[in-house]
Amino acid sequence: MEEVRPYEMMTILDPDLANPDRENLVERIKGLLEKHGATVEEIKEWGRRKMAYPIKKKREGYYLLFHFQAPPSTPVDIRWEMRMTQGLLRYMVVRRDE
């Protein structure tokens, strides 16, 4: 069995997404993580926040924090699919301290 590690992923979604579209996007991201062997423990919604600098001409973003356990290969495996996800402005995965 492959070793799993704790990670957290901060995502910034397009603030102009309608609520049902945003919920669908969150489920799609969760499904992508699970497809690559992750177990999502918690999703914290930080809500709409002002950003330090514009991303794709947006000055605000909708922030979500995902806590998950996954094999070390998962952050690399999801990179391409995350970049191609419509409505996702930015994301970053970091390993949490155990």
C-alpha atoms as a PDB file:
ATOM      1  CA  MET A   1       0.000   0.000   0.000  1.00  0.00           C
ATOM      2  CA  GLU A   2       1.311   3.416  -0.968  1.00  0.00           C
ATOM      3  CA  GLU A   3       2.064   5.910   1.785  1.00  0.00           C
ATOM      4  CA  VAL A   4      -0.401   8.791   2.165  1.00  0.00           C
ATOM      5  CA  ARG A   5       0.456  12.270   3.373  1.00  0.00           C
ATOM      6  CA  PRO A   6      -1.640  15.194   4.596  1.00  0.00           C
ATOM      7  CA  TYR A   7      -2.068  18.089   2.151  1.00  0.00           C
ATOM      8  CA  GLU A   8      -4.045  21.265   1.898  1.00  0.00           C
ATOM      9  CA  MET A   9      -5.039  23.002  -1.296  1.00  0.00           C
ATOM     10  CA  MET A  10      -6.118  26.622  -1.516  1.00  0.00           C
ATOM     11  CA  THR A  11      -8.259  27.401  -4.541  1.00  0.00           C
ATOM     12  CA  ILE A  12      -9.488  30.728  -5.866  1.00  0.00           C
ATOM     13  CA  LEU A  13     -12.615  30.449  -7.982  1.00  0.00           C
ATOM     14  CA  ASP A  14     -14.123  33.019 -10.331  1.00  0.00           C
ATOM     15  CA  PRO A  15     -16.292  35.249  -8.104  1.00  0.00           C
ATOM     16  CA  ASP A  16     -18.834  35.719 -10.907  1.00  0.00           C
ATOM     17  CA  LEU A  17     -19.883  32.044 -10.910  1.00  0.00           C
ATOM     18  CA  ALA A  18     -23.509  31.472  -9.949  1.00  0.00           C
ATOM     19  CA  ASN A  19     -23.996  29.437  -6.767  1.00  0.00           C
ATOM     20  CA  PRO A  20     -25.017  26.171  -8.559  1.00  0.00           C
ATOM     21  CA  ASP A  21     -22.041  26.494 -10.936  1.00  0.00           C
ATOM     22  CA  ARG A  22     -19.675  27.070  -8.012  1.00  0.00           C
ATOM     23  CA  GLU A  23     -21.057  24.003  -6.174  1.00  0.00           C
ATOM     24  CA  ASN A  24     -20.604  21.906  -9.349  1.00  0.00           C
ATOM     25  CA  LEU A  25     -17.004  23.139  -9.658  1.00  0.00           C
ATOM     26  CA  VAL A  26     -16.263  22.252  -6.019  1.00  0.00           C
ATOM     27  CA  GLU A  27     -17.660  18.747  -6.602  1.00  0.00           C
ATOM     28  CA  ARG A  28     -15.599  18.418  -9.800  1.00  0.00           C
ATOM     29  CA  ILE A  29     -12.393  19.376  -7.939  1.00  0.00           C
ATOM     30  CA  LYS A  30     -13.252  16.967  -5.103  1.00  0.00           C
ATOM     31  CA  GLY A  31     -13.903  14.211  -7.658  1.00  0.00           C
ATOM     32  CA  LEU A  32     -10.590  14.935  -9.373  1.00  0.00           C
ATOM     33  CA  LEU A  33      -8.730  14.571  -6.076  1.00  0.00           C
ATOM     34  CA  GLU A  34     -10.545  11.306  -5.289  1.00  0.00           C
ATOM     35  CA  LYS A  35      -9.855   9.976  -8.797  1.00  0.00           C
ATOM     36  CA  HIS A  36      -6.136  10.381  -8.090  1.00  0.00           C
ATOM     37  CA  GLY A  37      -6.247   8.534  -4.756  1.00  0.00           C
ATOM     38  CA  ALA A  38      -6.972  11.363  -2.304  1.00  0.00           C
ATOM     39  CA  THR A  39      -9.365  11.225   0.624  1.00  0.00           C
ATOM     40  CA  VAL A  40     -10.933  14.657   1.116  1.00  0.00           C
ATOM     41  CA  GLU A  41     -11.323  15.305   4.846  1.00  0.00           C
ATOM     42  CA  GLU A  42     -12.709  18.836   4.862  1.00  0.00           C
ATOM     43  CA  ILE A  43     -13.586  21.732   2.567  1.00  0.00           C
ATOM     44  CA  LYS A  44     -13.589  25.157   4.198  1.00  0.00           C
ATOM     45  CA  GLU A  45     -15.336  27.968   2.355  1.00  0.00           C
ATOM     46  CA  TRP A  46     -13.643  31.296   3.027  1.00  0.00           C
ATOM     47  CA  GLY A  47     -16.006  33.063   0.658  1.00  0.00           C
ATOM     48  CA  ARG A  48     -15.504  36.084  -1.526  1.00  0.00           C
ATOM     49  CA  ARG A  49     -12.324  38.062  -0.767  1.00  0.00           C
ATOM     50  CA  LYS A  50     -10.382  40.884  -2.308  1.00  0.00           C
ATOM     51  CA  MET A  51      -7.119  39.744  -3.920  1.00  0.00           C
ATOM     52  CA  ALA A  52      -3.757  41.489  -3.576  1.00  0.00           C
ATOM     53  CA  TYR A  53      -3.466  41.743  -7.372  1.00  0.00           C
ATOM     54  CA  PRO A  54      -5.786  41.026 -10.308  1.00  0.00           C
ATOM     55  CA  ILE A  55      -5.894  37.507 -11.762  1.00  0.00           C
ATOM     56  CA  LYS A  56      -7.482  37.213 -15.213  1.00  0.00           C
ATOM     57  CA  LYS A  57      -8.768  40.797 -14.768  1.00  0.00           C
ATOM     58  CA  LYS A  58     -10.625  39.875 -11.555  1.00  0.00           C
ATOM     59  CA  ARG A  59      -9.981  41.840  -8.355  1.00  0.00           C
ATOM     60  CA  GLU A  60     -11.909  39.437  -6.101  1.00  0.00           C
ATOM     61  CA  GLY A  61     -12.009  35.666  -5.828  1.00  0.00           C
ATOM     62  CA  TYR A  62     -14.011  32.982  -4.054  1.00  0.00           C
ATOM     63  CA  TYR A  63     -11.643  31.121  -1.732  1.00  0.00           C
ATOM     64  CA  LEU A  64     -11.872  27.452  -0.719  1.00  0.00           C
ATOM     65  CA  LEU A  65      -9.468  25.395   1.378  1.00  0.00           C
ATOM     66  CA  PHE A  66      -9.355  21.617   0.844  1.00  0.00           C
ATOM     67  CA  HIS A  67      -7.760  19.320   3.458  1.00  0.00           C
ATOM     68  CA  PHE A  68      -6.988  15.852   2.133  1.00  0.00           C
ATOM     69  CA  GLN A  69      -4.818  12.762   2.540  1.00  0.00           C
ATOM     70  CA  ALA A  70      -3.139  11.507  -0.626  1.00  0.00           C
ATOM     71  CA  PRO A  71      -0.167   9.632  -2.058  1.00  0.00           C
ATOM     72  CA  PRO A  72       2.825  11.872  -2.874  1.00  0.00           C
ATOM     73  CA  SER A  73       2.099  11.574  -6.605  1.00  0.00           C
ATOM     74  CA  THR A  74      -1.368  13.184  -6.393  1.00  0.00           C
ATOM     75  CA  PRO A  75      -0.336  16.889  -6.431  1.00  0.00           C
ATOM     76  CA  VAL A  76       1.702  16.253  -9.590  1.00  0.00           C
ATOM     77  CA  ASP A  77      -0.991  14.097 -11.212  1.00  0.00           C
ATOM     78  CA  ILE A  78      -3.752  16.706 -10.859  1.00  0.00           C
ATOM     79  CA  ARG A  79      -1.696  19.643 -12.176  1.00  0.00           C
ATOM     80  CA  TRP A  80      -2.757  19.512 -15.833  1.00  0.00           C
ATOM     81  CA  GLU A  81      -6.448  18.882 -15.139  1.00  0.00           C
ATOM     82  CA  MET A  82      -6.562  21.700 -12.567  1.00  0.00           C
ATOM     83  CA  ARG A  83      -5.037  24.144 -15.067  1.00  0.00           C
ATOM     84  CA  MET A  84      -7.700  23.247 -17.627  1.00  0.00           C
ATOM     85  CA  THR A  85     -10.604  23.685 -15.187  1.00  0.00           C
ATOM     86  CA  GLN A  86     -12.920  26.521 -16.209  1.00  0.00           C
ATOM     87  CA  GLY A  87     -13.802  28.899 -13.383  1.00  0.00           C
ATOM     88  CA  LEU A  88     -10.658  28.147 -11.371  1.00  0.00           C
ATOM     89  CA  LEU A  89      -8.401  31.214 -11.194  1.00  0.00           C
ATOM     90  CA  ARG A  90      -5.565  29.768  -9.075  1.00  0.00           C
ATOM     91  CA  TYR A  91      -4.721  26.852  -6.821  1.00  0.00           C
ATOM     92  CA  MET A  92      -1.812  25.779  -4.679  1.00  0.00           C
ATOM     93  CA  VAL A  93      -1.141  22.474  -2.914  1.00  0.00           C
ATOM     94  CA  VAL A  94       1.128  22.295   0.139  1.00  0.00           C
ATOM     95  CA  ARG A  95       1.986  19.443   2.450  1.00  0.00           C
ATOM     96  CA  ARG A  96       0.641  19.878   5.989  1.00  0.00           C
ATOM     97  CA  ASP A  97       2.692  19.068   9.059  1.00  0.00           C
ATOM     98  CA  GLU A  98       1.645  15.787  10.587  1.00  0.00           C
END
